[in-house]
């Protein structure tokens, strides 16, 4: 996980600054949730953020909708791949 976060720190989308993601990562690291639950919970977080952005965009004319967490999907996919290959 630490190696993946180091890569994230070097990317434009700083997933390591996302408090909700990091909380879920801590729960996963300590075995309180599995990867499937982490992905599901973070998916809900992202959906809520998208709804909030859409609401904000609808209240502000011509406000762009941007998804700054595209690398989170890549990071979660890599974590899932690694946990499957290690048998975790």
PDB file of N, CA and C in Angstrom:
ATOM      1  N   UNK A   1       0.825  -1.182   0.000  1.00  0.00           N
ATOM      2  CA  UNK A   1       0.000   0.000   0.000  1.00  0.00           C
ATOM      3  C   UNK A   1       0.870   1.245   0.000  1.00  0.00           C
ATOM      4  N   UNK A   2       1.939   1.200   0.775  1.00  0.00           N
ATOM      5  CA  UNK A   2       2.828   2.358   0.842  1.00  0.00           C
ATOM      6  C   UNK A   2       3.425   2.678  -0.529  1.00  0.00           C
ATOM      7  N   UNK A   3       3.851   1.666  -1.272  1.00  0.00           N
ATOM      8  CA  UNK A   3       4.394   1.897  -2.611  1.00  0.00           C
ATOM      9  C   UNK A   3       3.357   2.540  -3.525  1.00  0.00           C
ATOM     10  N   UNK A   4       2.121   2.066  -3.422  1.00  0.00           N
ATOM     11  CA  UNK A   4       1.057   2.637  -4.255  1.00  0.00           C
ATOM     12  C   UNK A   4       0.774   4.085  -3.885  1.00  0.00           C
ATOM     13  N   UNK A   5       0.807   4.396  -2.609  1.00  0.00           N
ATOM     14  CA  UNK A   5       0.588   5.781  -2.194  1.00  0.00           C
ATOM     15  C   UNK A   5       1.729   6.687  -2.636  1.00  0.00           C
ATOM     16  N   UNK A   6       2.932   6.155  -2.646  1.00  0.00           N
ATOM     17  CA  UNK A   6       4.069   6.939  -3.147  1.00  0.00           C
ATOM     18  C   UNK A   6       3.854   7.300  -4.617  1.00  0.00           C
ATOM     19  N   UNK A   7       3.371   6.329  -5.409  1.00  0.00           N
ATOM     20  CA  UNK A   7       3.074   6.613  -6.817  1.00  0.00           C
ATOM     21  C   UNK A   7       1.969   7.652  -6.920  1.00  0.00           C
ATOM     22  N   UNK A   8       0.959   7.553  -6.058  1.00  0.00           N
ATOM     23  CA  UNK A   8      -0.152   8.501  -6.088  1.00  0.00           C
ATOM     24  C   UNK A   8       0.323   9.915  -5.758  1.00  0.00           C
ATOM     25  N   UNK A   9       1.277  10.032  -4.859  1.00  0.00           N
ATOM     26  CA  UNK A   9       1.796  11.353  -4.487  1.00  0.00           C
ATOM     27  C   UNK A   9       2.466  12.047  -5.669  1.00  0.00           C
ATOM     28  N   UNK A  10       2.981  11.264  -6.585  1.00  0.00           N
ATOM     29  CA  UNK A  10       3.657  11.821  -7.751  1.00  0.00           C
ATOM     30  C   UNK A  10       2.682  12.131  -8.890  1.00  0.00           C
ATOM     31  N   UNK A  11       1.435  11.725  -8.741  1.00  0.00           N
ATOM     32  CA  UNK A  11       0.462  11.936  -9.816  1.00  0.00           C
ATOM     33  C   UNK A  11      -0.313  13.232  -9.597  1.00  0.00           C
ATOM     34  N   UNK A  12      -0.962  13.725 -10.655  1.00  0.00           N
ATOM     35  CA  UNK A  12      -1.755  14.959 -10.531  1.00  0.00           C
ATOM     36  C   UNK A  12      -2.952  14.794  -9.590  1.00  0.00           C
ATOM     37  N   UNK A  13      -3.533  13.616  -9.521  1.00  0.00           N
ATOM     38  CA  UNK A  13      -4.675  13.364  -8.642  1.00  0.00           C
ATOM     39  C   UNK A  13      -4.141  12.788  -7.337  1.00  0.00           C
ATOM     40  N   UNK A  14      -4.024  13.601  -6.329  1.00  0.00           N
ATOM     41  CA  UNK A  14      -3.402  13.222  -5.062  1.00  0.00           C
ATOM     42  C   UNK A  14      -4.372  12.456  -4.181  1.00  0.00           C
ATOM     43  N   UNK A  15      -4.511  11.171  -4.429  1.00  0.00           N
ATOM     44  CA  UNK A  15      -5.424  10.329  -3.662  1.00  0.00           C
ATOM     45  C   UNK A  15      -5.002  10.270  -2.201  1.00  0.00           C
ATOM     46  N   UNK A  16      -3.715  10.452  -1.934  1.00  0.00           N
ATOM     47  CA  UNK A  16      -3.240  10.422  -0.550  1.00  0.00           C
ATOM     48  C   UNK A  16      -3.734  11.619   0.260  1.00  0.00           C
ATOM     49  N   UNK A  17      -4.271  12.635  -0.408  1.00  0.00           N
ATOM     50  CA  UNK A  17      -4.843  13.791   0.280  1.00  0.00           C
ATOM     51  C   UNK A  17      -6.350  13.642   0.489  1.00  0.00           C
ATOM     52  N   UNK A  18      -6.902  12.554   0.003  1.00  0.00           N
ATOM     53  CA  UNK A  18      -8.332  12.294   0.128  1.00  0.00           C
ATOM     54  C   UNK A  18      -8.577  11.581   1.458  1.00  0.00           C
ATOM     55  N   UNK A  19      -9.088  12.317   2.445  1.00  0.00           N
ATOM     56  CA  UNK A  19      -9.260  11.782   3.792  1.00  0.00           C
ATOM     57  C   UNK A  19     -10.177  10.561   3.810  1.00  0.00           C
ATOM     58  N   UNK A  20     -11.231  10.570   3.012  1.00  0.00           N
ATOM     59  CA  UNK A  20     -12.152   9.434   3.014  1.00  0.00           C
ATOM     60  C   UNK A  20     -11.494   8.185   2.428  1.00  0.00           C
ATOM     61  N   UNK A  21     -10.711   8.349   1.377  1.00  0.00           N
ATOM     62  CA  UNK A  21      -9.990   7.218   0.816  1.00  0.00           C
ATOM     63  C   UNK A  21      -8.991   6.672   1.826  1.00  0.00           C
ATOM     64  N   UNK A  22      -8.257   7.568   2.462  1.00  0.00           N
ATOM     65  CA  UNK A  22      -7.233   7.131   3.405  1.00  0.00           C
ATOM     66  C   UNK A  22      -7.858   6.416   4.610  1.00  0.00           C
ATOM     67  N   UNK A  23      -9.021   6.863   5.061  1.00  0.00           N
ATOM     68  CA  UNK A  23      -9.705   6.167   6.149  1.00  0.00           C
ATOM     69  C   UNK A  23     -10.069   4.740   5.727  1.00  0.00           C
ATOM     70  N   UNK A  24     -10.615   4.605   4.519  1.00  0.00           N
ATOM     71  CA  UNK A  24     -10.950   3.275   4.013  1.00  0.00           C
ATOM     72  C   UNK A  24      -9.698   2.411   3.864  1.00  0.00           C
ATOM     73  N   UNK A  25      -8.605   3.015   3.405  1.00  0.00           N
ATOM     74  CA  UNK A  25      -7.350   2.273   3.266  1.00  0.00           C
ATOM     75  C   UNK A  25      -6.873   1.765   4.628  1.00  0.00           C
ATOM     76  N   UNK A  26      -6.994   2.589   5.657  1.00  0.00           N
ATOM     77  CA  UNK A  26      -6.604   2.159   7.001  1.00  0.00           C
ATOM     78  C   UNK A  26      -7.466   0.987   7.470  1.00  0.00           C
ATOM     79  N   UNK A  27      -8.770   1.057   7.231  1.00  0.00           N
ATOM     80  CA  UNK A  27      -9.654  -0.042   7.608  1.00  0.00           C
ATOM     81  C   UNK A  27      -9.248  -1.327   6.892  1.00  0.00           C
ATOM     82  N   UNK A  28      -8.891  -1.195   5.593  1.00  0.00           N
ATOM     83  CA  UNK A  28      -8.473  -2.366   4.812  1.00  0.00           C
ATOM     84  C   UNK A  28      -7.146  -2.925   5.341  1.00  0.00           C
ATOM     85  N   UNK A  29      -6.202  -2.040   5.592  1.00  0.00           N
ATOM     86  CA  UNK A  29      -4.889  -2.461   6.074  1.00  0.00           C
ATOM     87  C   UNK A  29      -5.015  -3.231   7.388  1.00  0.00           C
ATOM     88  N   UNK A  30      -5.909  -2.786   8.252  1.00  0.00           N
ATOM     89  CA  UNK A  30      -6.078  -3.423   9.561  1.00  0.00           C
ATOM     90  C   UNK A  30      -7.056  -4.587   9.528  1.00  0.00           C
ATOM     91  N   UNK A  31      -7.492  -4.965   8.328  1.00  0.00           N
ATOM     92  CA  UNK A  31      -8.335  -6.140   8.182  1.00  0.00           C
ATOM     93  C   UNK A  31      -9.781  -5.959   8.622  1.00  0.00           C
ATOM     94  N   UNK A  32     -10.196  -4.705   8.789  1.00  0.00           N
ATOM     95  CA  UNK A  32     -11.567  -4.450   9.230  1.00  0.00           C
ATOM     96  C   UNK A  32     -12.568  -4.521   8.083  1.00  0.00           C
ATOM     97  N   UNK A  33     -12.080  -4.296   6.871  1.00  0.00           N
ATOM     98  CA  UNK A  33     -12.895  -4.458   5.669  1.00  0.00           C
ATOM     99  C   UNK A  33     -12.041  -5.152   4.618  1.00  0.00           C
ATOM    100  N   UNK A  34     -12.691  -5.785   3.647  1.00  0.00           N
ATOM    101  CA  UNK A  34     -11.921  -6.394   2.557  1.00  0.00           C
ATOM    102  C   UNK A  34     -11.899  -5.435   1.366  1.00  0.00           C
ATOM    103  N   UNK A  35     -11.155  -5.818   0.338  1.00  0.00           N
ATOM    104  CA  UNK A  35     -10.987  -4.941  -0.812  1.00  0.00           C
ATOM    105  C   UNK A  35     -12.321  -4.661  -1.500  1.00  0.00           C
ATOM    106  N   UNK A  36     -13.172  -5.656  -1.606  1.00  0.00           N
ATOM    107  CA  UNK A  36     -14.468  -5.440  -2.258  1.00  0.00           C
ATOM    108  C   UNK A  36     -15.272  -4.382  -1.519  1.00  0.00           C
ATOM    109  N   UNK A  37     -15.255  -4.438  -0.194  1.00  0.00           N
ATOM    110  CA  UNK A  37     -15.991  -3.433   0.582  1.00  0.00           C
ATOM    111  C   UNK A  37     -15.341  -2.058   0.455  1.00  0.00           C
ATOM    112  N   UNK A  38     -14.019  -2.022   0.411  1.00  0.00           N
ATOM    113  CA  UNK A  38     -13.329  -0.741   0.233  1.00  0.00           C
ATOM    114  C   UNK A  38     -13.727  -0.105  -1.094  1.00  0.00           C
ATOM    115  N   UNK A  39     -13.712  -0.914  -2.141  1.00  0.00           N
ATOM    116  CA  UNK A  39     -14.086  -0.394  -3.460  1.00  0.00           C
ATOM    117  C   UNK A  39     -15.539   0.083  -3.463  1.00  0.00           C
ATOM    118  N   UNK A  40     -16.419  -0.696  -2.850  1.00  0.00           N
ATOM    119  CA  UNK A  40     -17.833  -0.335  -2.815  1.00  0.00           C
ATOM    120  C   UNK A  40     -18.047   0.964  -2.038  1.00  0.00           C
ATOM    121  N   UNK A  41     -17.447   1.051  -0.874  1.00  0.00           N
ATOM    122  CA  UNK A  41     -17.608   2.259  -0.057  1.00  0.00           C
ATOM    123  C   UNK A  41     -17.044   3.488  -0.753  1.00  0.00           C
ATOM    124  N   UNK A  42     -15.871   3.335  -1.379  1.00  0.00           N
ATOM    125  CA  UNK A  42     -15.296   4.495  -2.051  1.00  0.00           C
ATOM    126  C   UNK A  42     -16.127   4.866  -3.283  1.00  0.00           C
ATOM    127  N   UNK A  43     -16.737   3.882  -3.905  1.00  0.00           N
ATOM    128  CA  UNK A  43     -17.658   4.167  -5.004  1.00  0.00           C
ATOM    129  C   UNK A  43     -18.806   5.045  -4.546  1.00  0.00           C
ATOM    130  N   UNK A  44     -19.343   4.771  -3.356  1.00  0.00           N
ATOM    131  CA  UNK A  44     -20.412   5.610  -2.806  1.00  0.00           C
ATOM    132  C   UNK A  44     -19.914   7.028  -2.521  1.00  0.00           C
ATOM    133  N   UNK A  45     -18.707   7.129  -2.005  1.00  0.00           N
ATOM    134  CA  UNK A  45     -18.117   8.448  -1.748  1.00  0.00           C
ATOM    135  C   UNK A  45     -18.044   9.241  -3.049  1.00  0.00           C
ATOM    136  N   UNK A  46     -17.548   8.578  -4.094  1.00  0.00           N
ATOM    137  CA  UNK A  46     -17.415   9.254  -5.388  1.00  0.00           C
ATOM    138  C   UNK A  46     -18.770   9.646  -5.961  1.00  0.00           C
ATOM    139  N   UNK A  47     -19.768   8.771  -5.821  1.00  0.00           N
ATOM    140  CA  UNK A  47     -21.109   9.111  -6.305  1.00  0.00           C
ATOM    141  C   UNK A  47     -21.641  10.341  -5.581  1.00  0.00           C
ATOM    142  N   UNK A  48     -21.453  10.386  -4.277  1.00  0.00           N
ATOM    143  CA  UNK A  48     -21.909  11.548  -3.511  1.00  0.00           C
ATOM    144  C   UNK A  48     -21.207  12.817  -3.972  1.00  0.00           C
ATOM    145  N   UNK A  49     -19.922  12.717  -4.234  1.00  0.00           N
ATOM    146  CA  UNK A  49     -19.172  13.888  -4.700  1.00  0.00           C
ATOM    147  C   UNK A  49     -19.656  14.349  -6.078  1.00  0.00           C
ATOM    148  N   UNK A  50     -19.914  13.372  -6.941  1.00  0.00           N
ATOM    149  CA  UNK A  50     -20.414  13.728  -8.275  1.00  0.00           C
ATOM    150  C   UNK A  50     -21.769  14.430  -8.172  1.00  0.00           C
ATOM    151  N   UNK A  51     -22.651  13.907  -7.307  1.00  0.00           N
ATOM    152  CA  UNK A  51     -23.959  14.554  -7.113  1.00  0.00           C
ATOM    153  C   UNK A  51     -23.778  15.980  -6.608  1.00  0.00           C
ATOM    154  N   UNK A  52     -22.885  16.163  -5.662  1.00  0.00           N
ATOM    155  CA  UNK A  52     -22.638  17.498  -5.116  1.00  0.00           C
ATOM    156  C   UNK A  52     -22.102  18.436  -6.191  1.00  0.00           C
ATOM    157  N   UNK A  53     -21.196  17.928  -7.029  1.00  0.00           N
ATOM    158  CA  UNK A  53     -20.654  18.758  -8.114  1.00  0.00           C
ATOM    159  C   UNK A  53     -21.729  19.112  -9.128  1.00  0.00           C
ATOM    160  N   UNK A  54     -22.583  18.133  -9.427  1.00  0.00           N
ATOM    161  CA  UNK A  54     -23.673  18.417 -10.369  1.00  0.00           C
ATOM    162  C   UNK A  54     -24.606  19.475  -9.812  1.00  0.00           C
ATOM    163  N   UNK A  55     -24.915  19.380  -8.534  1.00  0.00           N
ATOM    164  CA  UNK A  55     -25.770  20.386  -7.902  1.00  0.00           C
ATOM    165  C   UNK A  55     -25.117  21.754  -7.971  1.00  0.00           C
ATOM    166  N   UNK A  56     -23.832  21.791  -7.659  1.00  0.00           N
ATOM    167  CA  UNK A  56     -23.110  23.064  -7.713  1.00  0.00           C
ATOM    168  C   UNK A  56     -23.068  23.593  -9.143  1.00  0.00           C
ATOM    169  N   UNK A  57     -22.846  22.702 -10.076  1.00  0.00           N
ATOM    170  CA  UNK A  57     -22.790  23.119 -11.482  1.00  0.00           C
ATOM    171  C   UNK A  57     -24.137  23.649 -11.942  1.00  0.00           C
ATOM    172  N   UNK A  58     -25.206  23.003 -11.509  1.00  0.00           N
ATOM    173  CA  UNK A  58     -26.531  23.455 -11.903  1.00  0.00           C
ATOM    174  C   UNK A  58     -26.872  24.805 -11.296  1.00  0.00           C
ATOM    175  N   UNK A  59     -26.264  25.136 -10.167  1.00  0.00           N
ATOM    176  CA  UNK A  59     -26.542  26.428  -9.553  1.00  0.00           C
ATOM    177  C   UNK A  59     -25.624  27.526 -10.091  1.00  0.00           C
ATOM    178  N   UNK A  60     -24.541  27.140 -10.754  1.00  0.00           N
ATOM    179  CA  UNK A  60     -23.628  28.111 -11.356  1.00  0.00           C
ATOM    180  C   UNK A  60     -23.599  27.904 -12.869  1.00  0.00           C
ATOM    181  N   UNK A  61     -23.996  28.900 -13.642  1.00  0.00           N
ATOM    182  CA  UNK A  61     -23.979  28.718 -15.099  1.00  0.00           C
ATOM    183  C   UNK A  61     -22.570  28.501 -15.631  1.00  0.00           C
ATOM    184  N   UNK A  62     -22.467  27.539 -16.543  1.00  0.00           N
ATOM    185  CA  UNK A  62     -21.213  27.227 -17.240  1.00  0.00           C
ATOM    186  C   UNK A  62     -20.091  26.731 -16.337  1.00  0.00           C
ATOM    187  N   UNK A  63     -20.391  26.226 -15.146  1.00  0.00           N
ATOM    188  CA  UNK A  63     -19.345  25.675 -14.287  1.00  0.00           C
ATOM    189  C   UNK A  63     -18.976  24.280 -14.798  1.00  0.00           C
ATOM    190  N   UNK A  64     -17.695  24.019 -15.047  1.00  0.00           N
ATOM    191  CA  UNK A  64     -17.296  22.711 -15.576  1.00  0.00           C
ATOM    192  C   UNK A  64     -17.398  21.615 -14.519  1.00  0.00           C
ATOM    193  N   UNK A  65     -17.750  20.431 -14.952  1.00  0.00           N
ATOM    194  CA  UNK A  65     -17.770  19.257 -14.083  1.00  0.00           C
ATOM    195  C   UNK A  65     -16.479  18.507 -14.331  1.00  0.00           C
ATOM    196  N   UNK A  66     -15.679  18.368 -13.286  1.00  0.00           N
ATOM    197  CA  UNK A  66     -14.401  17.670 -13.423  1.00  0.00           C
ATOM    198  C   UNK A  66     -14.341  16.537 -12.425  1.00  0.00           C
ATOM    199  N   UNK A  67     -13.719  15.451 -12.805  1.00  0.00           N
ATOM    200  CA  UNK A  67     -13.553  14.290 -11.936  1.00  0.00           C
ATOM    201  C   UNK A  67     -12.073  14.166 -11.601  1.00  0.00           C
ATOM    202  N   UNK A  68     -11.644  14.733 -10.451  1.00  0.00           N
ATOM    203  CA  UNK A  68     -10.220  14.712 -10.136  1.00  0.00           C
ATOM    204  C   UNK A  68      -9.723  13.387  -9.579  1.00  0.00           C
ATOM    205  N   UNK A  69     -10.586  12.389  -9.416  1.00  0.00           N
ATOM    206  CA  UNK A  69     -10.182  11.164  -8.769  1.00  0.00           C
ATOM    207  C   UNK A  69     -10.041   9.996  -9.738  1.00  0.00           C
ATOM    208  N   UNK A  70      -9.774  10.278 -10.990  1.00  0.00           N
ATOM    209  CA  UNK A  70      -9.676   9.181 -11.947  1.00  0.00           C
ATOM    210  C   UNK A  70      -8.565   8.201 -11.582  1.00  0.00           C
ATOM    211  N   UNK A  71      -7.512   8.677 -10.953  1.00  0.00           N
ATOM    212  CA  UNK A  71      -6.445   7.755 -10.577  1.00  0.00           C
ATOM    213  C   UNK A  71      -6.832   6.871  -9.397  1.00  0.00           C
ATOM    214  N   UNK A  72      -7.858   7.234  -8.663  1.00  0.00           N
ATOM    215  CA  UNK A  72      -8.320   6.393  -7.562  1.00  0.00           C
ATOM    216  C   UNK A  72      -8.795   5.051  -8.091  1.00  0.00           C
ATOM    217  N   UNK A  73      -9.478   5.070  -9.229  1.00  0.00           N
ATOM    218  CA  UNK A  73      -9.905   3.814  -9.835  1.00  0.00           C
ATOM    219  C   UNK A  73      -8.695   2.941 -10.160  1.00  0.00           C
ATOM    220  N   UNK A  74      -7.685   3.568 -10.737  1.00  0.00           N
ATOM    221  CA  UNK A  74      -6.471   2.824 -11.063  1.00  0.00           C
ATOM    222  C   UNK A  74      -5.816   2.272  -9.798  1.00  0.00           C
ATOM    223  N   UNK A  75      -5.765   3.087  -8.757  1.00  0.00           N
ATOM    224  CA  UNK A  75      -5.156   2.657  -7.507  1.00  0.00           C
ATOM    225  C   UNK A  75      -5.941   1.507  -6.891  1.00  0.00           C
ATOM    226  N   UNK A  76      -7.265   1.618  -6.851  1.00  0.00           N
ATOM    227  CA  UNK A  76      -8.086   0.546  -6.287  1.00  0.00           C
ATOM    228  C   UNK A  76      -7.972  -0.730  -7.113  1.00  0.00           C
ATOM    229  N   UNK A  77      -7.916  -0.594  -8.420  1.00  0.00           N
ATOM    230  CA  UNK A  77      -7.766  -1.769  -9.274  1.00  0.00           C
ATOM    231  C   UNK A  77      -6.435  -2.460  -9.006  1.00  0.00           C
ATOM    232  N   UNK A  78      -5.389  -1.665  -8.813  1.00  0.00           N
ATOM    233  CA  UNK A  78      -4.070  -2.247  -8.528  1.00  0.00           C
ATOM    234  C   UNK A  78      -4.064  -2.934  -7.166  1.00  0.00           C
ATOM    235  N   UNK A  79      -4.694  -2.321  -6.171  1.00  0.00           N
ATOM    236  CA  UNK A  79      -4.781  -2.948  -4.849  1.00  0.00           C
ATOM    237  C   UNK A  79      -5.534  -4.266  -4.954  1.00  0.00           C
ATOM    238  N   UNK A  80      -6.637  -4.264  -5.684  1.00  0.00           N
ATOM    239  CA  UNK A  80      -7.425  -5.490  -5.851  1.00  0.00           C
ATOM    240  C   UNK A  80      -6.597  -6.567  -6.550  1.00  0.00           C
ATOM    241  N   UNK A  81      -5.865  -6.180  -7.609  1.00  0.00           N
ATOM    242  CA  UNK A  81      -5.028  -7.140  -8.327  1.00  0.00           C
ATOM    243  C   UNK A  81      -3.963  -7.718  -7.404  1.00  0.00           C
ATOM    244  N   UNK A  82      -3.343  -6.865  -6.601  1.00  0.00           N
ATOM    245  CA  UNK A  82      -2.297  -7.312  -5.711  1.00  0.00           C
ATOM    246  C   UNK A  82      -2.852  -8.227  -4.617  1.00  0.00           C
ATOM    247  N   UNK A  83      -4.021  -7.889  -4.081  1.00  0.00           N
ATOM    248  CA  UNK A  83      -4.574  -8.726  -3.023  1.00  0.00           C
ATOM    249  C   UNK A  83      -5.049 -10.074  -3.563  1.00  0.00           C
ATOM    250  N   UNK A  84      -5.518 -10.094  -4.812  1.00  0.00           N
ATOM    251  CA  UNK A  84      -5.899 -11.369  -5.414  1.00  0.00           C
ATOM    252  C   UNK A  84      -4.684 -12.247  -5.659  1.00  0.00           C
ATOM    253  N   UNK A  85      -3.595 -11.641  -6.124  1.00  0.00           N
ATOM    254  CA  UNK A  85      -2.408 -12.429  -6.441  1.00  0.00           C
ATOM    255  C   UNK A  85      -1.692 -12.925  -5.183  1.00  0.00           C
ATOM    256  N   UNK A  86      -1.907 -12.211  -4.058  1.00  0.00           N
ATOM    257  CA  UNK A  86      -1.253 -12.647  -2.823  1.00  0.00           C
ATOM    258  C   UNK A  86      -2.139 -13.581  -2.002  1.00  0.00           C
ATOM    259  N   UNK A  87      -3.375 -13.758  -2.464  1.00  0.00           N
ATOM    260  CA  UNK A  87      -4.286 -14.651  -1.767  1.00  0.00           C
ATOM    261  C   UNK A  87      -4.967 -14.013  -0.575  1.00  0.00           C
ATOM    262  N   UNK A  88      -4.855 -12.670  -0.445  1.00  0.00           N
ATOM    263  CA  UNK A  88      -5.475 -11.958   0.691  1.00  0.00           C
ATOM    264  C   UNK A  88      -6.943 -11.771   0.472  1.00  0.00           C
TER     265      UNK A  88
END
